[in-house]
């Protein structure tokens, strides 16, 4: 299952990497998920911390 924040993160990563195809989206989402998981464990924050406090989702929900 792909969450909304993963899609938004994937689009941002693709823009930074200048990727225009969708062939590696699942790989990028896997990398993003792994990086977020590592950051959460390193910073000792709850498992869903970044999913619930993501500024990009809060701004999008207000629109």
C-alpha atoms as a PDB file:
ATOM      1  CA  UNK A   1       0.000   0.000   0.000  1.00  0.00           C
ATOM      2  CA  UNK A   2       1.337   3.427  -0.945  1.00  0.00           C
ATOM      3  CA  UNK A   3       0.459   6.358   1.298  1.00  0.00           C
ATOM      4  CA  UNK A   4      -0.135   9.933   0.142  1.00  0.00           C
ATOM      5  CA  UNK A   5       3.028  11.200   1.850  1.00  0.00           C
ATOM      6  CA  UNK A   6       5.074   8.582  -0.008  1.00  0.00           C
ATOM      7  CA  UNK A   7       3.750   9.765  -3.358  1.00  0.00           C
ATOM      8  CA  UNK A   8       4.464  13.404  -2.498  1.00  0.00           C
ATOM      9  CA  UNK A   9       7.960  12.478  -1.298  1.00  0.00           C
ATOM     10  CA  UNK A  10       8.564  10.433  -4.436  1.00  0.00           C
ATOM     11  CA  UNK A  11       7.533  13.350  -6.656  1.00  0.00           C
ATOM     12  CA  UNK A  12       9.895  15.680  -4.798  1.00  0.00           C
ATOM     13  CA  UNK A  13      12.784  13.207  -5.051  1.00  0.00           C
ATOM     14  CA  UNK A  14      12.105  12.685  -8.757  1.00  0.00           C
ATOM     15  CA  UNK A  15      12.117  16.443  -9.319  1.00  0.00           C
ATOM     16  CA  UNK A  16      15.454  16.778  -7.535  1.00  0.00           C
ATOM     17  CA  UNK A  17      16.935  13.872  -9.502  1.00  0.00           C
ATOM     18  CA  UNK A  18      15.397  15.147 -12.756  1.00  0.00           C
ATOM     19  CA  UNK A  19      13.623  11.820 -13.377  1.00  0.00           C
ATOM     20  CA  UNK A  20      10.736  11.933 -15.820  1.00  0.00           C
ATOM     21  CA  UNK A  21       9.825   8.230 -16.016  1.00  0.00           C
ATOM     22  CA  UNK A  22       7.922   6.069 -13.551  1.00  0.00           C
ATOM     23  CA  UNK A  23       9.973   2.878 -13.820  1.00  0.00           C
ATOM     24  CA  UNK A  24      11.813   3.393 -10.523  1.00  0.00           C
ATOM     25  CA  UNK A  25       8.958   4.763  -8.407  1.00  0.00           C
ATOM     26  CA  UNK A  26       8.627   1.641  -6.257  1.00  0.00           C
ATOM     27  CA  UNK A  27      12.391   1.601  -5.689  1.00  0.00           C
ATOM     28  CA  UNK A  28      12.402   5.306  -4.741  1.00  0.00           C
ATOM     29  CA  UNK A  29       9.464   4.802  -2.372  1.00  0.00           C
ATOM     30  CA  UNK A  30      11.380   1.928  -0.754  1.00  0.00           C
ATOM     31  CA  UNK A  31      14.429   4.159  -0.277  1.00  0.00           C
ATOM     32  CA  UNK A  32      12.287   6.989   1.128  1.00  0.00           C
ATOM     33  CA  UNK A  33      10.524   4.618   3.532  1.00  0.00           C
ATOM     34  CA  UNK A  34      13.855   3.181   4.707  1.00  0.00           C
ATOM     35  CA  UNK A  35      15.334   6.669   5.217  1.00  0.00           C
ATOM     36  CA  UNK A  36      12.311   7.820   7.214  1.00  0.00           C
ATOM     37  CA  UNK A  37      12.388   4.670   9.325  1.00  0.00           C
ATOM     38  CA  UNK A  38      16.095   5.200  10.064  1.00  0.00           C
ATOM     39  CA  UNK A  39      15.560   8.874  10.930  1.00  0.00           C
ATOM     40  CA  UNK A  40      12.696   8.028  13.287  1.00  0.00           C
ATOM     41  CA  UNK A  41      14.723   5.379  15.120  1.00  0.00           C
ATOM     42  CA  UNK A  42      17.813   7.607  15.293  1.00  0.00           C
ATOM     43  CA  UNK A  43      15.838  10.556  16.670  1.00  0.00           C
ATOM     44  CA  UNK A  44      13.748   8.377  19.019  1.00  0.00           C
ATOM     45  CA  UNK A  45      10.442   9.751  17.752  1.00  0.00           C
ATOM     46  CA  UNK A  46       7.218   7.719  17.381  1.00  0.00           C
ATOM     47  CA  UNK A  47       6.956   5.453  14.352  1.00  0.00           C
ATOM     48  CA  UNK A  48       4.381   7.630  12.563  1.00  0.00           C
ATOM     49  CA  UNK A  49       5.948  10.972  13.542  1.00  0.00           C
ATOM     50  CA  UNK A  50       6.834  12.164  10.036  1.00  0.00           C
ATOM     51  CA  UNK A  51       3.581  10.894   8.531  1.00  0.00           C
ATOM     52  CA  UNK A  52       1.481  12.846  11.034  1.00  0.00           C
ATOM     53  CA  UNK A  53       3.613  15.999  11.231  1.00  0.00           C
ATOM     54  CA  UNK A  54       4.538  16.408   7.571  1.00  0.00           C
ATOM     55  CA  UNK A  55       4.142  20.085   6.727  1.00  0.00           C
ATOM     56  CA  UNK A  56       3.438  19.372   3.081  1.00  0.00           C
ATOM     57  CA  UNK A  57       0.384  17.267   3.974  1.00  0.00           C
ATOM     58  CA  UNK A  58      -0.862  19.801   6.518  1.00  0.00           C
ATOM     59  CA  UNK A  59      -0.658  22.568   3.934  1.00  0.00           C
ATOM     60  CA  UNK A  60      -2.346  20.423   1.295  1.00  0.00           C
ATOM     61  CA  UNK A  61      -5.203  19.473   3.661  1.00  0.00           C
ATOM     62  CA  UNK A  62      -5.904  23.181   4.362  1.00  0.00           C
ATOM     63  CA  UNK A  63      -6.531  23.887   0.662  1.00  0.00           C
END
